[in-house]
Amino acid sequence: MELLNIWFHSNGAEADWLQVVRLGALSEKIALDFAKLPHFADSAWLAKLFTDGWRMDYRSPNVWKIYAACEHELKTS
């Protein structure tokens, strides 16, 4: 929940507590789905998803796959 609040604040977004709880639960579901994949246990592979400023590296095809999966979940839930 804290990361959601940080994201909302840094992006000028607003949400009521129910939306934040819903997004938190959805984030957990998606994260657990990804955690089952072998690459997500490899810290070197995971590090390649980020820039040196620890922001997602949107030049990476794998980041786009993760983004697409998250977008799909948001649209279908």
N, C-alpha and C. Protein backbone atom coordinates (compact mmCIF):
# COMPACT_ATOMS: atom_id res chain seq x y z
N MET A 1 0.82 -1.18 0.00
CA MET A 1 0.00 0.00 0.00
C MET A 1 0.88 1.26 0.00
N GLU A 2 1.99 1.17 0.69
CA GLU A 2 2.88 2.33 0.76
C GLU A 2 3.40 2.70 -0.63
N LEU A 3 3.79 1.68 -1.42
CA LEU A 3 4.29 1.97 -2.76
C LEU A 3 3.21 2.58 -3.65
N LEU A 4 1.99 2.14 -3.48
CA LEU A 4 0.89 2.75 -4.23
C LEU A 4 0.75 4.22 -3.88
N ASN A 5 0.82 4.52 -2.60
CA ASN A 5 0.71 5.90 -2.17
C ASN A 5 1.86 6.75 -2.71
N ILE A 6 3.06 6.19 -2.72
CA ILE A 6 4.22 6.89 -3.27
C ILE A 6 4.00 7.14 -4.76
N TRP A 7 3.52 6.12 -5.48
CA TRP A 7 3.28 6.28 -6.91
C TRP A 7 2.23 7.35 -7.16
N PHE A 8 1.11 7.29 -6.43
CA PHE A 8 0.06 8.28 -6.59
C PHE A 8 0.61 9.69 -6.37
N HIS A 9 1.35 9.85 -5.29
CA HIS A 9 1.88 11.16 -4.95
C HIS A 9 2.85 11.68 -6.01
N SER A 10 3.76 10.82 -6.46
CA SER A 10 4.77 11.27 -7.43
C SER A 10 4.19 11.50 -8.82
N ASN A 11 3.03 10.93 -9.11
CA ASN A 11 2.42 11.10 -10.43
C ASN A 11 1.20 12.02 -10.41
N GLY A 12 0.94 12.64 -9.28
CA GLY A 12 -0.18 13.57 -9.19
C GLY A 12 -1.54 12.91 -9.30
N ALA A 13 -1.60 11.62 -9.02
CA ALA A 13 -2.86 10.89 -9.10
C ALA A 13 -3.57 10.88 -7.75
N GLU A 14 -4.84 10.64 -7.78
CA GLU A 14 -5.63 10.55 -6.56
C GLU A 14 -6.52 9.32 -6.62
N ALA A 15 -6.78 8.75 -5.49
CA ALA A 15 -7.68 7.60 -5.39
C ALA A 15 -8.26 7.57 -3.99
N ASP A 16 -9.47 7.07 -3.90
CA ASP A 16 -10.06 6.92 -2.57
C ASP A 16 -9.53 5.61 -1.96
N TRP A 17 -9.80 5.39 -0.71
CA TRP A 17 -9.22 4.25 -0.01
C TRP A 17 -9.66 2.93 -0.63
N LEU A 18 -10.88 2.86 -1.14
CA LEU A 18 -11.38 1.62 -1.74
C LEU A 18 -10.61 1.30 -3.03
N GLN A 19 -10.32 2.32 -3.83
CA GLN A 19 -9.54 2.12 -5.05
C GLN A 19 -8.11 1.68 -4.71
N VAL A 20 -7.55 2.27 -3.68
CA VAL A 20 -6.20 1.90 -3.26
C VAL A 20 -6.16 0.45 -2.79
N VAL A 21 -7.15 0.03 -2.03
CA VAL A 21 -7.21 -1.36 -1.55
C VAL A 21 -7.37 -2.31 -2.73
N ARG A 22 -8.25 -1.95 -3.68
CA ARG A 22 -8.47 -2.79 -4.86
C ARG A 22 -7.18 -2.92 -5.67
N LEU A 23 -6.48 -1.82 -5.91
CA LEU A 23 -5.23 -1.87 -6.66
C LEU A 23 -4.15 -2.66 -5.91
N GLY A 24 -4.14 -2.53 -4.59
CA GLY A 24 -3.18 -3.29 -3.79
C GLY A 24 -3.41 -4.78 -3.92
N ALA A 25 -4.67 -5.21 -3.85
CA ALA A 25 -5.00 -6.62 -3.98
C ALA A 25 -4.67 -7.13 -5.38
N LEU A 26 -4.98 -6.33 -6.39
CA LEU A 26 -4.68 -6.70 -7.76
C LEU A 26 -3.17 -6.79 -7.98
N SER A 27 -2.42 -5.86 -7.42
CA SER A 27 -0.96 -5.88 -7.51
C SER A 27 -0.39 -7.14 -6.89
N GLU A 28 -0.93 -7.53 -5.76
CA GLU A 28 -0.46 -8.75 -5.09
C GLU A 28 -0.74 -9.97 -5.96
N LYS A 29 -1.93 -10.04 -6.55
CA LYS A 29 -2.29 -11.17 -7.40
C LYS A 29 -1.33 -11.28 -8.59
N ILE A 30 -1.09 -10.16 -9.24
CA ILE A 30 -0.19 -10.16 -10.40
C ILE A 30 1.23 -10.54 -9.99
N ALA A 31 1.70 -9.99 -8.88
CA ALA A 31 3.05 -10.30 -8.40
C ALA A 31 3.19 -11.79 -8.09
N LEU A 32 2.18 -12.38 -7.49
CA LEU A 32 2.24 -13.82 -7.17
C LEU A 32 2.23 -14.66 -8.44
N ASP A 33 1.50 -14.22 -9.46
CA ASP A 33 1.51 -14.93 -10.74
C ASP A 33 2.91 -14.89 -11.35
N PHE A 34 3.54 -13.73 -11.34
CA PHE A 34 4.89 -13.59 -11.89
C PHE A 34 5.91 -14.35 -11.05
N ALA A 35 5.71 -14.41 -9.75
CA ALA A 35 6.68 -15.07 -8.86
C ALA A 35 6.83 -16.56 -9.19
N LYS A 36 5.86 -17.13 -9.86
CA LYS A 36 5.92 -18.56 -10.24
C LYS A 36 6.86 -18.81 -11.42
N LEU A 37 7.20 -17.76 -12.15
CA LEU A 37 8.05 -17.91 -13.32
C LEU A 37 9.52 -17.99 -12.92
N PRO A 38 10.31 -18.81 -13.61
CA PRO A 38 11.70 -19.04 -13.19
C PRO A 38 12.58 -17.79 -13.17
N HIS A 39 12.42 -16.88 -14.12
CA HIS A 39 13.27 -15.69 -14.16
C HIS A 39 13.09 -14.79 -12.93
N PHE A 40 11.95 -14.86 -12.31
CA PHE A 40 11.68 -13.97 -11.19
C PHE A 40 12.37 -14.42 -9.90
N ALA A 41 13.07 -15.54 -9.96
CA ALA A 41 13.90 -15.97 -8.83
C ALA A 41 15.36 -15.64 -9.08
N ASP A 42 15.65 -15.03 -10.23
CA ASP A 42 17.02 -14.72 -10.64
C ASP A 42 17.27 -13.22 -10.46
N SER A 43 18.03 -12.87 -9.45
CA SER A 43 18.25 -11.45 -9.13
C SER A 43 18.97 -10.70 -10.26
N ALA A 44 19.87 -11.36 -10.98
CA ALA A 44 20.56 -10.71 -12.09
C ALA A 44 19.58 -10.38 -13.21
N TRP A 45 18.66 -11.30 -13.51
CA TRP A 45 17.64 -11.06 -14.55
C TRP A 45 16.72 -9.93 -14.11
N LEU A 46 16.31 -9.95 -12.85
CA LEU A 46 15.43 -8.89 -12.34
C LEU A 46 16.09 -7.53 -12.40
N ALA A 47 17.37 -7.46 -12.09
CA ALA A 47 18.08 -6.18 -12.09
C ALA A 47 18.08 -5.54 -13.48
N LYS A 48 18.02 -6.36 -14.53
CA LYS A 48 18.01 -5.84 -15.90
C LYS A 48 16.70 -5.15 -16.25
N LEU A 49 15.69 -5.29 -15.41
CA LEU A 49 14.40 -4.64 -15.67
C LEU A 49 14.41 -3.17 -15.26
N PHE A 50 15.48 -2.75 -14.57
CA PHE A 50 15.53 -1.40 -14.01
C PHE A 50 16.70 -0.61 -14.58
N THR A 51 16.55 0.71 -14.57
CA THR A 51 17.66 1.60 -14.91
C THR A 51 18.53 1.74 -13.66
N ASP A 52 19.61 2.48 -13.78
CA ASP A 52 20.48 2.67 -12.61
C ASP A 52 19.81 3.53 -11.54
N GLY A 53 18.71 4.18 -11.87
CA GLY A 53 17.95 4.95 -10.88
C GLY A 53 16.80 4.16 -10.28
N TRP A 54 16.79 2.86 -10.49
CA TRP A 54 15.78 1.94 -10.00
C TRP A 54 14.37 2.26 -10.49
N ARG A 55 14.31 2.81 -11.69
CA ARG A 55 13.03 2.96 -12.38
C ARG A 55 12.96 1.87 -13.43
N MET A 56 11.74 1.46 -13.77
CA MET A 56 11.58 0.43 -14.79
C MET A 56 12.22 0.89 -16.10
N ASP A 57 12.93 0.00 -16.76
CA ASP A 57 13.59 0.31 -18.03
C ASP A 57 12.64 -0.06 -19.16
N TYR A 58 11.92 0.91 -19.66
CA TYR A 58 10.91 0.65 -20.68
C TYR A 58 11.51 0.37 -22.06
N ARG A 59 12.82 0.32 -22.17
CA ARG A 59 13.47 -0.14 -23.40
C ARG A 59 13.51 -1.66 -23.44
N SER A 60 13.28 -2.30 -22.28
CA SER A 60 13.36 -3.75 -22.17
C SER A 60 12.05 -4.41 -22.63
N PRO A 61 12.15 -5.38 -23.54
CA PRO A 61 10.95 -6.11 -23.97
C PRO A 61 10.26 -6.82 -22.80
N ASN A 62 11.05 -7.25 -21.82
CA ASN A 62 10.46 -7.94 -20.67
C ASN A 62 9.63 -6.99 -19.81
N VAL A 63 10.07 -5.74 -19.71
CA VAL A 63 9.29 -4.75 -18.97
C VAL A 63 7.96 -4.53 -19.68
N TRP A 64 7.98 -4.48 -21.01
CA TRP A 64 6.74 -4.30 -21.77
C TRP A 64 5.79 -5.48 -21.59
N LYS A 65 6.33 -6.70 -21.46
CA LYS A 65 5.49 -7.87 -21.22
C LYS A 65 4.81 -7.76 -19.85
N ILE A 66 5.57 -7.32 -18.86
CA ILE A 66 5.01 -7.14 -17.52
C ILE A 66 3.94 -6.05 -17.55
N TYR A 67 4.25 -4.95 -18.22
CA TYR A 67 3.31 -3.84 -18.35
C TYR A 67 2.02 -4.32 -19.01
N ALA A 68 2.14 -5.09 -20.10
CA ALA A 68 0.97 -5.60 -20.82
C ALA A 68 0.13 -6.51 -19.93
N ALA A 69 0.79 -7.35 -19.13
CA ALA A 69 0.05 -8.23 -18.23
C ALA A 69 -0.71 -7.43 -17.17
N CYS A 70 -0.08 -6.40 -16.66
CA CYS A 70 -0.74 -5.55 -15.67
C CYS A 70 -1.91 -4.79 -16.29
N GLU A 71 -1.70 -4.28 -17.49
CA GLU A 71 -2.76 -3.56 -18.19
C GLU A 71 -3.95 -4.48 -18.45
N HIS A 72 -3.67 -5.71 -18.86
CA HIS A 72 -4.72 -6.69 -19.11
C HIS A 72 -5.53 -6.96 -17.84
N GLU A 73 -4.83 -7.16 -16.73
CA GLU A 73 -5.52 -7.42 -15.45
C GLU A 73 -6.41 -6.24 -15.06
N LEU A 74 -5.92 -5.03 -15.25
CA LEU A 74 -6.72 -3.85 -14.92
C LEU A 74 -7.99 -3.78 -15.78
N LYS A 75 -7.86 -4.13 -17.04
CA LYS A 75 -9.00 -4.06 -17.95
C LYS A 75 -10.02 -5.16 -17.71
N THR A 76 -9.56 -6.31 -17.23
CA THR A 76 -10.47 -7.44 -17.08
C THR A 76 -10.99 -7.62 -15.66
N SER A 77 -10.49 -6.85 -14.73
CA SER A 77 -10.95 -7.03 -13.35
C SER A 77 -12.00 -6.01 -12.98
